[in-house]
C-alpha atoms as a PDB file:
ATOM      1  CA  MET A   1       0.000   0.000   0.000  1.00  0.00           C
ATOM      2  CA  ALA A   2       1.265   3.514  -0.822  1.00  0.00           C
ATOM      3  CA  GLU A   3       2.668   5.801   1.842  1.00  0.00           C
ATOM      4  CA  THR A   4       0.070   8.023   3.469  1.00  0.00           C
ATOM      5  CA  TRP A   5       0.520  11.515   4.885  1.00  0.00           C
ATOM      6  CA  LYS A   6      -1.671  13.317   7.386  1.00  0.00           C
ATOM      7  CA  LEU A   7      -2.096  17.033   8.035  1.00  0.00           C
ATOM      8  CA  THR A   8      -3.472  17.963  11.460  1.00  0.00           C
ATOM      9  CA  ALA A   9      -4.816  21.276  12.767  1.00  0.00           C
ATOM     10  CA  HIS A  10      -5.962  21.868  16.374  1.00  0.00           C
ATOM     11  CA  ALA A  11      -8.791  24.349  17.002  1.00  0.00           C
ATOM     12  CA  PRO A  12     -11.931  24.818  19.114  1.00  0.00           C
ATOM     13  CA  LYS A  13     -14.917  22.692  18.130  1.00  0.00           C
ATOM     14  CA  SER A  14     -16.841  25.608  16.616  1.00  0.00           C
ATOM     15  CA  ARG A  15     -13.946  26.555  14.318  1.00  0.00           C
ATOM     16  CA  VAL A  16     -13.454  22.979  13.098  1.00  0.00           C
ATOM     17  CA  GLU A  17     -17.183  22.603  12.449  1.00  0.00           C
ATOM     18  CA  LYS A  18     -17.183  25.826  10.427  1.00  0.00           C
ATOM     19  CA  ALA A  19     -14.149  24.565   8.491  1.00  0.00           C
ATOM     20  CA  LEU A  20     -15.988  21.336   7.672  1.00  0.00           C
ATOM     21  CA  LEU A  21     -18.957  23.339   6.391  1.00  0.00           C
ATOM     22  CA  ALA A  22     -16.620  25.481   4.279  1.00  0.00           C
ATOM     23  CA  HIS A  23     -15.119  22.298   2.809  1.00  0.00           C
ATOM     24  CA  ASP A  24     -18.576  21.038   1.908  1.00  0.00           C
ATOM     25  CA  GLU A  25     -19.191  24.155  -0.211  1.00  0.00           C
ATOM     26  CA  ILE A  26     -16.049  23.769  -2.364  1.00  0.00           C
ATOM     27  CA  GLU A  27     -16.987  22.032  -5.614  1.00  0.00           C
ATOM     28  CA  GLU A  28     -13.408  21.796  -6.939  1.00  0.00           C
ATOM     29  CA  TRP A  29     -11.903  20.190  -3.830  1.00  0.00           C
ATOM     30  CA  ASN A  30      -9.061  17.756  -4.580  1.00  0.00           C
ATOM     31  CA  PRO A  31     -10.570  14.253  -4.050  1.00  0.00           C
ATOM     32  CA  GLU A  32      -7.144  12.966  -2.945  1.00  0.00           C
ATOM     33  CA  LEU A  33      -7.419  15.140   0.162  1.00  0.00           C
ATOM     34  CA  VAL A  34      -9.784  13.355   2.592  1.00  0.00           C
ATOM     35  CA  ILE A  35     -11.034  15.604   5.419  1.00  0.00           C
ATOM     36  CA  ALA A  36     -12.490  14.708   8.832  1.00  0.00           C
ATOM     37  CA  GLY A  37     -12.962  16.409  12.191  1.00  0.00           C
ATOM     38  CA  ARG A  38     -13.266  15.008  15.696  1.00  0.00           C
ATOM     39  CA  GLU A  39     -12.857  15.902  19.346  1.00  0.00           C
ATOM     40  CA  LEU A  40      -9.353  15.692  20.735  1.00  0.00           C
ATOM     41  CA  SER A  41     -10.375  13.385  23.580  1.00  0.00           C
ATOM     42  CA  PRO A  42     -13.534  12.506  25.560  1.00  0.00           C
ATOM     43  CA  GLY A  43     -12.311  14.720  28.405  1.00  0.00           C
ATOM     44  CA  LYS A  44     -11.939  17.752  26.116  1.00  0.00           C
ATOM     45  CA  PRO A  45     -15.200  17.919  24.109  1.00  0.00           C
ATOM     46  CA  GLN A  46     -14.652  21.538  22.986  1.00  0.00           C
ATOM     47  CA  GLN A  47     -11.114  20.916  21.693  1.00  0.00           C
ATOM     48  CA  TRP A  48     -11.190  19.392  18.212  1.00  0.00           C
ATOM     49  CA  ILE A  49      -8.761  18.504  15.473  1.00  0.00           C
ATOM     50  CA  LEU A  50      -9.194  18.678  11.732  1.00  0.00           C
ATOM     51  CA  GLU A  51      -7.318  15.955   9.878  1.00  0.00           C
ATOM     52  CA  ALA A  52      -6.559  15.644   6.172  1.00  0.00           C
ATOM     53  CA  TRP A  53      -5.183  12.448   4.623  1.00  0.00           C
ATOM     54  CA  LEU A  54      -3.180  12.223   1.398  1.00  0.00           C
ATOM     55  CA  PRO A  55      -1.743   9.234  -0.523  1.00  0.00           C
ATOM     56  CA  ARG A  56       1.494  11.237  -1.084  1.00  0.00           C
ATOM     57  CA  ARG A  57       3.680  13.925   0.456  1.00  0.00           C
ATOM     58  CA  PRO A  58       1.597  17.116   0.889  1.00  0.00           C
ATOM     59  CA  LEU A  59       2.343  20.051  -1.407  1.00  0.00           C
ATOM     60  CA  LYS A  60       2.215  23.722  -0.513  1.00  0.00           C
ATOM     61  CA  ALA A  61      -1.174  23.861  -2.281  1.00  0.00           C
ATOM     62  CA  ASP A  62      -2.513  21.087  -0.018  1.00  0.00           C
ATOM     63  CA  ARG A  63      -1.475  22.977   3.114  1.00  0.00           C
ATOM     64  CA  GLU A  64      -3.000  26.189   1.796  1.00  0.00           C
ATOM     65  CA  ALA A  65      -6.251  24.384   0.947  1.00  0.00           C
ATOM     66  CA  VAL A  66      -6.622  22.999   4.475  1.00  0.00           C
ATOM     67  CA  LEU A  67      -5.716  26.269   6.185  1.00  0.00           C
ATOM     68  CA  GLY A  68      -8.017  28.135   3.796  1.00  0.00           C
ATOM     69  CA  LEU A  69     -10.977  26.368   5.412  1.00  0.00           C
ATOM     70  CA  PHE A  70     -10.402  28.434   8.562  1.00  0.00           C
ATOM     71  CA  LYS A  71     -11.594  32.030   8.662  1.00  0.00           C
ATOM     72  CA  GLY A  72      -9.448  34.600  10.463  1.00  0.00           C
ATOM     73  CA  ARG A  73      -6.396  33.450  12.359  1.00  0.00           C
ATOM     74  CA  LYS A  74      -5.000  30.219  10.946  1.00  0.00           C
ATOM     75  CA  PRO A  75      -4.124  27.305  13.247  1.00  0.00           C
ATOM     76  CA  SER A  76      -0.752  25.622  13.046  1.00  0.00           C
ATOM     77  CA  LEU A  77      -0.583  22.641  10.719  1.00  0.00           C
ATOM     78  CA  LYS A  78       1.405  19.506  11.473  1.00  0.00           C
ATOM     79  CA  ALA A  79       2.411  17.019   8.769  1.00  0.00           C
ATOM     80  CA  GLU A  80       3.334  13.400   9.443  1.00  0.00           C
ATOM     81  CA  THR A  81       3.765  10.248   7.427  1.00  0.00           C
ATOM     82  CA  LEU A  82       1.690   7.122   8.073  1.00  0.00           C
ATOM     83  CA  PRO A  83       3.211   4.233   6.102  1.00  0.00           C
ATOM     84  CA  ASP A  84       0.951   1.417   4.900  1.00  0.00           C
ATOM     85  CA  THR A  85      -2.256   3.133   5.977  1.00  0.00           C
ATOM     86  CA  ASP A  86      -5.654   3.270   4.313  1.00  0.00           C
ATOM     87  CA  TRP A  87      -6.318   6.967   4.858  1.00  0.00           C
ATOM     88  CA  VAL A  88     -10.078   6.682   4.250  1.00  0.00           C
ATOM     89  CA  SER A  89     -10.398   4.048   6.976  1.00  0.00           C
ATOM     90  CA  GLU A  90      -8.033   6.059   9.136  1.00  0.00           C
ATOM     91  CA  SER A  91     -10.352   9.060   8.839  1.00  0.00           C
ATOM     92  CA  GLN A  92     -13.107   6.985  10.462  1.00  0.00           C
ATOM     93  CA  LYS A  93     -11.108   6.198  13.575  1.00  0.00           C
ATOM     94  CA  GLY A  94     -12.045   8.278  16.566  1.00  0.00           C
ATOM     95  CA  VAL A  95     -15.438   9.135  15.034  1.00  0.00           C
ATOM     96  CA  GLU A  96     -17.667   8.116  17.893  1.00  0.00           C
ATOM     97  CA  PRO A  97     -21.276   7.053  17.299  1.00  0.00           C
ATOM     98  CA  ILE A  98     -23.939   9.635  17.979  1.00  0.00           C
ATOM     99  CA  ARG A  99     -27.410   9.235  19.434  1.00  0.00           C
ATOM    100  CA  ALA A 100     -30.036  11.741  18.230  1.00  0.00           C
ATOM    101  CA  GLY A 101     -33.635  11.067  19.148  1.00  0.00           C
ATOM    102  CA  ARG A 102     -34.449   7.519  18.101  1.00  0.00           C
ATOM    103  CA  PHE A 103     -31.422   7.372  15.779  1.00  0.00           C
ATOM    104  CA  HIS A 104     -27.959   5.907  16.327  1.00  0.00           C
ATOM    105  CA  VAL A 105     -25.350   6.757  13.676  1.00  0.00           C
ATOM    106  CA  ARG A 106     -21.986   5.008  13.487  1.00  0.00           C
ATOM    107  CA  THR A 107     -19.035   4.217  11.252  1.00  0.00           C
ATOM    108  CA  PRO A 108     -18.011   0.595  10.465  1.00  0.00           C
ATOM    109  CA  GLU A 109     -15.558   0.498  13.396  1.00  0.00           C
ATOM    110  CA  HIS A 110     -18.407   0.554  15.911  1.00  0.00           C
ATOM    111  CA  ASP A 111     -21.115  -1.941  16.827  1.00  0.00           C
ATOM    112  CA  ALA A 112     -24.770  -1.429  16.036  1.00  0.00           C
ATOM    113  CA  ASP A 113     -27.181  -0.233  18.718  1.00  0.00           C
ATOM    114  CA  THR A 114     -29.775  -2.997  19.020  1.00  0.00           C
ATOM    115  CA  PHE A 115     -31.824  -1.372  21.785  1.00  0.00           C
ATOM    116  CA  PRO A 116     -35.570  -1.670  21.038  1.00  0.00           C
ATOM    117  CA  GLY A 117     -37.003   1.383  19.330  1.00  0.00           C
ATOM    118  CA  ILE A 118     -33.623   2.619  18.090  1.00  0.00           C
ATOM    119  CA  THR A 119     -32.839   2.848  14.372  1.00  0.00           C
ATOM    120  CA  ASP A 120     -29.168   2.168  13.685  1.00  0.00           C
ATOM    121  CA  PHE A 121     -27.527   3.756  10.644  1.00  0.00           C
ATOM    122  CA  LEU A 122     -24.116   2.757   9.299  1.00  0.00           C
ATOM    123  CA  ILE A 123     -22.565   5.766   7.523  1.00  0.00           C
ATOM    124  CA  PRO A 124     -18.869   5.395   6.580  1.00  0.00           C
ATOM    125  CA  ALA A 125     -16.753   8.518   6.396  1.00  0.00           C
ATOM    126  CA  SER A 126     -16.720   9.727   2.809  1.00  0.00           C
ATOM    127  CA  GLN A 127     -16.322  12.698   0.533  1.00  0.00           C
ATOM    128  CA  ALA A 128     -19.948  13.668   1.187  1.00  0.00           C
ATOM    129  CA  PHE A 129     -21.124  15.802   4.101  1.00  0.00           C
ATOM    130  CA  GLY A 130     -23.566  14.472   6.677  1.00  0.00           C
ATOM    131  CA  THR A 131     -22.200  11.566   8.693  1.00  0.00           C
ATOM    132  CA  GLY A 132     -24.193  12.664  11.721  1.00  0.00           C
ATOM    133  CA  GLN A 133     -21.099  13.925  13.541  1.00  0.00           C
ATOM    134  CA  HIS A 134     -21.695  17.565  12.734  1.00  0.00           C
ATOM    135  CA  THR A 135     -23.978  19.345  15.199  1.00  0.00           C
ATOM    136  CA  THR A 136     -26.439  20.448  12.506  1.00  0.00           C
ATOM    137  CA  THR A 137     -26.970  16.923  11.158  1.00  0.00           C
ATOM    138  CA  ALA A 138     -27.495  15.443  14.619  1.00  0.00           C
ATOM    139  CA  ALA A 139     -29.877  18.280  15.541  1.00  0.00           C
ATOM    140  CA  CYS A 140     -31.878  17.682  12.343  1.00  0.00           C
ATOM    141  CA  LEU A 141     -32.291  14.040  13.342  1.00  0.00           C
ATOM    142  CA  ARG A 142     -33.591  15.131  16.740  1.00  0.00           C
ATOM    143  CA  LEU A 143     -36.062  17.598  15.252  1.00  0.00           C
ATOM    144  CA  LEU A 144     -37.295  15.082  12.664  1.00  0.00           C
ATOM    145  CA  ASP A 145     -38.002  12.726  15.563  1.00  0.00           C
ATOM    146  CA  GLU A 146     -39.855  15.538  17.336  1.00  0.00           C
ATOM    147  CA  MET A 147     -41.949  16.203  14.222  1.00  0.00           C
ATOM    148  CA  LYS A 148     -43.041  12.573  14.275  1.00  0.00           C
ATOM    149  CA  ARG A 149     -43.914  12.800  17.972  1.00  0.00           C
ATOM    150  CA  ARG A 150     -46.053  15.869  17.279  1.00  0.00           C
ATOM    151  CA  GLY A 151     -48.076  14.004  14.691  1.00  0.00           C
ATOM    152  CA  LEU A 152     -46.577  15.273  11.437  1.00  0.00           C
ATOM    153  CA  ALA A 153     -47.357  12.783   8.666  1.00  0.00           C
ATOM    154  CA  PRO A 154     -45.805  13.911   5.360  1.00  0.00           C
ATOM    155  CA  ARG A 155     -46.430  11.815   2.269  1.00  0.00           C
ATOM    156  CA  ASN A 156     -44.079  13.657  -0.087  1.00  0.00           C
ATOM    157  CA  ILE A 157     -40.596  14.636   1.168  1.00  0.00           C
ATOM    158  CA  ALA A 158     -37.495  16.236  -0.378  1.00  0.00           C
ATOM    159  CA  ASP A 159     -33.992  16.364   1.121  1.00  0.00           C
ATOM    160  CA  ILE A 160     -32.042  19.171  -0.566  1.00  0.00           C
ATOM    161  CA  GLY A 161     -28.263  18.946  -0.146  1.00  0.00           C
ATOM    162  CA  THR A 162     -28.529  15.360   1.043  1.00  0.00           C
ATOM    163  CA  GLY A 163     -24.772  14.604   1.247  1.00  0.00           C
ATOM    164  CA  THR A 164     -24.569  11.031   2.524  1.00  0.00           C
ATOM    165  CA  GLY A 165     -28.358  10.541   2.350  1.00  0.00           C
ATOM    166  CA  LEU A 166     -28.634  10.201   6.133  1.00  0.00           C
ATOM    167  CA  LEU A 167     -31.505  12.664   6.674  1.00  0.00           C
ATOM    168  CA  ALA A 168     -33.444  11.180   3.764  1.00  0.00           C
ATOM    169  CA  PHE A 169     -32.998   7.696   5.257  1.00  0.00           C
ATOM    170  CA  ALA A 170     -34.113   8.935   8.679  1.00  0.00           C
ATOM    171  CA  ALA A 171     -37.219  10.603   7.240  1.00  0.00           C
ATOM    172  CA  LEU A 172     -38.148   7.397   5.421  1.00  0.00           C
ATOM    173  CA  ASP A 173     -37.676   5.458   8.652  1.00  0.00           C
ATOM    174  CA  LEU A 174     -40.130   7.813  10.361  1.00  0.00           C
ATOM    175  CA  TRP A 175     -42.591   7.874   7.451  1.00  0.00           C
ATOM    176  CA  PRO A 176     -41.948   4.644   5.506  1.00  0.00           C
ATOM    177  CA  GLY A 177     -44.761   5.133   3.002  1.00  0.00           C
ATOM    178  CA  ALA A 178     -43.603   8.544   1.823  1.00  0.00           C
ATOM    179  CA  LEU A 179     -42.318   9.529  -1.595  1.00  0.00           C
ATOM    180  CA  MET A 180     -38.698  10.587  -1.033  1.00  0.00           C
ATOM    181  CA  THR A 181     -36.566  12.721  -3.357  1.00  0.00           C
ATOM    182  CA  ALA A 182     -32.965  13.470  -2.397  1.00  0.00           C
ATOM    183  CA  SER A 183     -30.711  15.898  -4.237  1.00  0.00           C
ATOM    184  CA  ASP A 184     -27.241  17.371  -4.032  1.00  0.00           C
ATOM    185  CA  ILE A 185     -25.205  19.725  -6.181  1.00  0.00           C
ATOM    186  CA  ASP A 186     -22.153  17.438  -5.865  1.00  0.00           C
ATOM    187  CA  PRO A 187     -22.203  14.494  -8.341  1.00  0.00           C
ATOM    188  CA  VAL A 188     -20.089  12.453  -5.904  1.00  0.00           C
ATOM    189  CA  CYS A 189     -23.101  12.247  -3.601  1.00  0.00           C
ATOM    190  CA  ALA A 190     -25.136  10.164  -6.052  1.00  0.00           C
ATOM    191  CA  GLY A 191     -22.818   7.175  -5.646  1.00  0.00           C
ATOM    192  CA  VAL A 192     -22.362   7.795  -1.917  1.00  0.00           C
ATOM    193  CA  VAL A 193     -26.126   7.768  -1.323  1.00  0.00           C
ATOM    194  CA  GLU A 194     -26.554   4.543  -3.305  1.00  0.00           C
ATOM    195  CA  GLU A 195     -23.757   2.847  -1.349  1.00  0.00           C
ATOM    196  CA  ASN A 196     -25.133   3.989   1.987  1.00  0.00           C
ATOM    197  CA  ALA A 197     -28.644   2.932   1.028  1.00  0.00           C
ATOM    198  CA  ALA A 198     -27.373  -0.580   0.316  1.00  0.00           C
ATOM    199  CA  LEU A 199     -25.516  -0.676   3.658  1.00  0.00           C
ATOM    200  CA  ASN A 200     -28.672   0.310   5.559  1.00  0.00           C
ATOM    201  CA  GLY A 201     -31.309  -1.656   3.672  1.00  0.00           C
ATOM    202  CA  VAL A 202     -32.884   1.482   2.193  1.00  0.00           C
ATOM    203  CA  ARG A 203     -34.536   0.975  -1.171  1.00  0.00           C
ATOM    204  CA  MET A 204     -33.572   3.203  -4.102  1.00  0.00           C
ATOM    205  CA  GLY A 205     -36.223   3.792  -6.729  1.00  0.00           C
ATOM    206  CA  SER A 206     -39.066   5.977  -7.862  1.00  0.00           C
ATOM    207  CA  GLY A 207     -42.001   4.740  -5.796  1.00  0.00           C
ATOM    208  CA  HIS A 208     -43.260   5.344  -2.289  1.00  0.00           C
ATOM    209  CA  GLY A 209     -40.915   4.065   0.413  1.00  0.00           C
ATOM    210  CA  ALA A 210     -37.836   4.471  -1.816  1.00  0.00           C
ATOM    211  CA  VAL A 211     -35.235   7.200  -2.348  1.00  0.00           C
ATOM    212  CA  THR A 212     -34.930   8.864  -5.741  1.00  0.00           C
ATOM    213  CA  MET A 213     -31.586  10.622  -6.100  1.00  0.00           C
ATOM    214  CA  VAL A 214     -30.928  13.574  -8.421  1.00  0.00           C
ATOM    215  CA  VAL A 215     -27.936  15.869  -8.907  1.00  0.00           C
ATOM    216  CA  ALA A 216     -29.147  19.458  -8.932  1.00  0.00           C
ATOM    217  CA  ALA A 217     -28.389  22.971  -7.721  1.00  0.00           C
ATOM    218  CA  GLY A 218     -31.135  24.006  -5.316  1.00  0.00           C
ATOM    219  CA  MET A 219     -34.569  23.283  -6.762  1.00  0.00           C
ATOM    220  CA  ASP A 220     -33.348  23.565 -10.361  1.00  0.00           C
ATOM    221  CA  ASP A 221     -34.254  20.096 -11.614  1.00  0.00           C
ATOM    222  CA  PRO A 222     -37.217  18.870 -13.687  1.00  0.00           C
ATOM    223  CA  LEU A 223     -37.888  15.922 -11.389  1.00  0.00           C
ATOM    224  CA  LEU A 224     -37.793  18.059  -8.243  1.00  0.00           C
ATOM    225  CA  GLN A 225     -40.278  20.408  -9.857  1.00  0.00           C
ATOM    226  CA  ALA A 226     -42.504  17.614 -11.173  1.00  0.00           C
ATOM    227  CA  ARG A 227     -42.749  15.922  -7.786  1.00  0.00           C
ATOM    228  CA  ALA A 228     -43.809  19.109  -5.988  1.00  0.00           C
ATOM    229  CA  PRO A 229     -45.620  20.160  -3.899  1.00  0.00           C
ATOM    230  CA  TYR A 230     -43.812  18.666  -0.893  1.00  0.00           C
ATOM    231  CA  ASP A 231     -45.304  18.179   2.564  1.00  0.00           C
ATOM    232  CA  LEU A 232     -41.811  18.305   4.102  1.00  0.00           C
ATOM    233  CA  LEU A 233     -38.639  19.781   2.664  1.00  0.00           C
ATOM    234  CA  ILE A 234     -35.294  19.308   4.453  1.00  0.00           C
ATOM    235  CA  ALA A 235     -32.311  21.561   3.705  1.00  0.00           C
ATOM    236  CA  ASN A 236     -29.177  21.221   5.834  1.00  0.00           C
ATOM    237  CA  ILE A 237     -26.931  23.473   3.771  1.00  0.00           C
ATOM    238  CA  LEU A 238     -25.666  27.004   4.554  1.00  0.00           C
ATOM    239  CA  ALA A 239     -27.270  30.333   5.430  1.00  0.00           C
ATOM    240  CA  GLY A 240     -26.553  32.000   2.080  1.00  0.00           C
ATOM    241  CA  PRO A 241     -28.262  29.330  -0.034  1.00  0.00           C
ATOM    242  CA  LEU A 242     -31.140  29.124   2.464  1.00  0.00           C
ATOM    243  CA  VAL A 243     -31.818  32.840   1.963  1.00  0.00           C
ATOM    244  CA  GLU A 244     -31.508  32.557  -1.816  1.00  0.00           C
ATOM    245  CA  LEU A 245     -33.779  29.505  -1.995  1.00  0.00           C
ATOM    246  CA  ALA A 246     -36.542  30.712   0.363  1.00  0.00           C
ATOM    247  CA  GLN A 247     -38.860  31.746  -2.478  1.00  0.00           C
ATOM    248  CA  ASP A 248     -38.111  28.528  -4.409  1.00  0.00           C
ATOM    249  CA  PHE A 249     -38.960  26.504  -1.327  1.00  0.00           C
ATOM    250  CA  ALA A 250     -42.238  28.394  -0.974  1.00  0.00           C
ATOM    251  CA  GLY A 251     -43.072  27.551  -4.575  1.00  0.00           C
ATOM    252  CA  THR A 252     -42.573  23.828  -4.046  1.00  0.00           C
ATOM    253  CA  VAL A 253     -43.945  23.287  -0.520  1.00  0.00           C
ATOM    254  CA  SER A 254     -47.676  22.707  -0.068  1.00  0.00           C
ATOM    255  CA  ALA A 255     -49.849  25.159   1.896  1.00  0.00           C
ATOM    256  CA  GLY A 256     -49.408  24.163   5.541  1.00  0.00           C
ATOM    257  CA  GLY A 257     -46.326  22.136   4.611  1.00  0.00           C
ATOM    258  CA  SER A 258     -43.077  22.122   6.590  1.00  0.00           C
ATOM    259  CA  VAL A 259     -39.454  22.977   5.948  1.00  0.00           C
ATOM    260  CA  LEU A 260     -36.558  21.919   8.173  1.00  0.00           C
ATOM    261  CA  LEU A 261     -33.611  24.289   7.749  1.00  0.00           C
ATOM    262  CA  ALA A 262     -30.096  23.914   9.141  1.00  0.00           C
ATOM    263  CA  GLY A 263     -26.483  24.828   8.458  1.00  0.00           C
ATOM    264  CA  LEU A 264     -26.835  28.393   9.724  1.00  0.00           C
ATOM    265  CA  LEU A 265     -25.162  30.033  12.709  1.00  0.00           C
ATOM    266  CA  ASP A 266     -27.181  31.860  15.354  1.00  0.00           C
ATOM    267  CA  THR A 267     -25.731  35.124  14.015  1.00  0.00           C
ATOM    268  CA  GLN A 268     -27.331  34.308  10.642  1.00  0.00           C
ATOM    269  CA  GLU A 269     -30.721  33.207  11.957  1.00  0.00           C
ATOM    270  CA  THR A 270     -32.416  36.608  11.670  1.00  0.00           C
ATOM    271  CA  GLU A 271     -31.503  36.917   7.995  1.00  0.00           C
ATOM    272  CA  VAL A 272     -32.719  33.387   7.198  1.00  0.00           C
ATOM    273  CA  ARG A 273     -35.967  33.806   9.123  1.00  0.00           C
ATOM    274  CA  ARG A 274     -36.618  37.183   7.494  1.00  0.00           C
ATOM    275  CA  ALA A 275     -36.238  35.664   4.009  1.00  0.00           C
ATOM    276  CA  CYS A 276     -38.525  32.779   4.941  1.00  0.00           C
ATOM    277  CA  PHE A 277     -41.083  35.150   6.495  1.00  0.00           C
ATOM    278  CA  ARG A 278     -41.222  37.123   3.240  1.00  0.00           C
ATOM    279  CA  ALA A 279     -41.693  33.836   1.375  1.00  0.00           C
ATOM    280  CA  GLY A 280     -44.732  32.959   3.498  1.00  0.00           C
ATOM    281  CA  PHE A 281     -43.283  30.718   6.215  1.00  0.00           C
ATOM    282  CA  ARG A 282     -43.844  30.945   9.972  1.00  0.00           C
ATOM    283  CA  LEU A 283     -41.774  29.406  12.746  1.00  0.00           C
ATOM    284  CA  ALA A 284     -43.238  26.217  14.231  1.00  0.00           C
ATOM    285  CA  ALA A 285     -40.283  25.191  16.429  1.00  0.00           C
ATOM    286  CA  ARG A 286     -36.545  25.602  16.752  1.00  0.00           C
ATOM    287  CA  LEU A 287     -33.723  23.639  18.310  1.00  0.00           C
ATOM    288  CA  GLN A 288     -30.327  25.119  19.081  1.00  0.00           C
ATOM    289  CA  VAL A 289     -27.163  23.224  19.956  1.00  0.00           C
ATOM    290  CA  ASN A 290     -24.216  25.491  20.738  1.00  0.00           C
ATOM    291  CA  GLU A 291     -24.279  28.212  18.061  1.00  0.00           C
ATOM    292  CA  TRP A 292     -26.197  26.103  15.510  1.00  0.00           C
ATOM    293  CA  PRO A 293     -29.983  26.642  15.344  1.00  0.00           C
ATOM    294  CA  VAL A 294     -32.268  24.298  13.414  1.00  0.00           C
ATOM    295  CA  LEU A 295     -35.582  25.739  12.269  1.00  0.00           C
ATOM    296  CA  TRP A 296     -38.919  24.056  11.645  1.00  0.00           C
ATOM    297  CA  LEU A 297     -41.126  26.414   9.649  1.00  0.00           C
ATOM    298  CA  ARG A 298     -44.548  25.947   8.092  1.00  0.00           C
ATOM    299  CA  ARG A 299     -45.912  27.599   5.003  1.00  0.00           C
ATOM    300  CA  ARG A 300     -49.033  29.620   5.610  1.00  0.00           C
ATOM    301  CA  ALA A 301     -52.195  27.993   4.321  1.00  0.00           C
ATOM    302  CA  ALA A 302     -53.843  29.692   1.357  1.00  0.00           C
ATOM    303  CA  ARG A 303     -56.664  32.063   2.275  1.00  0.00           C
END
């Protein structure tokens, strides 16, 4: 096996999480450079590290790409060689399982949770965003569970910016008879979602109870438009796109339908809510973990 190199940056949890979100927005990211973030140790939950694996010695451009994920002051970057290492598998080590509502999400290195009433998802680390480790993804799982508890019963669901497919899988677990459409702007995600669906026994296809995957920017896709209106639309992306897409969401969500929005910071919440208010949505509930709010909004019924 080829020699592997690792770049490591230490930073507070919030800065690493923001760096991971920044990475998710870069379409031209070098696929050789595999990125992951995790806490430094169980006793230091707010101290995280960002790691980047390469199948060769890192170049100046690789170092600049990793440091460019951090806004403001740049952390120090350590490089080390890891001979005979599968860097993709290595990126999964130290990624602890998470429990969010009725969901347990893990990588292959960890055992399934077989406790009654718990749905276990196996999501390997990959190039796609949304393994459940980021605060926004875990919070979305919790709020989806809360929607179910409150009696929400959507029959037509869309997951925009699906990444690994995890939130689409969770929604289908909660509402197994629903029509599910998942989309992402990154073509890599199409294969990732199919692989993860196979690992978790989720059916891919065009009918109810199956996931239909499309590659699209926002709502700009004929199938996404044809399948509207949606009873529930999930978008765990970033604040900027959420603001830009608010009117598009309103045009594809049924009167009284719900949207679940995440990927924004608390400092960006006012702007996102203002755009959604203008588009005809009203806040139904919110969940905040650290500086990451997740919003459940409902479109006003037609008068």
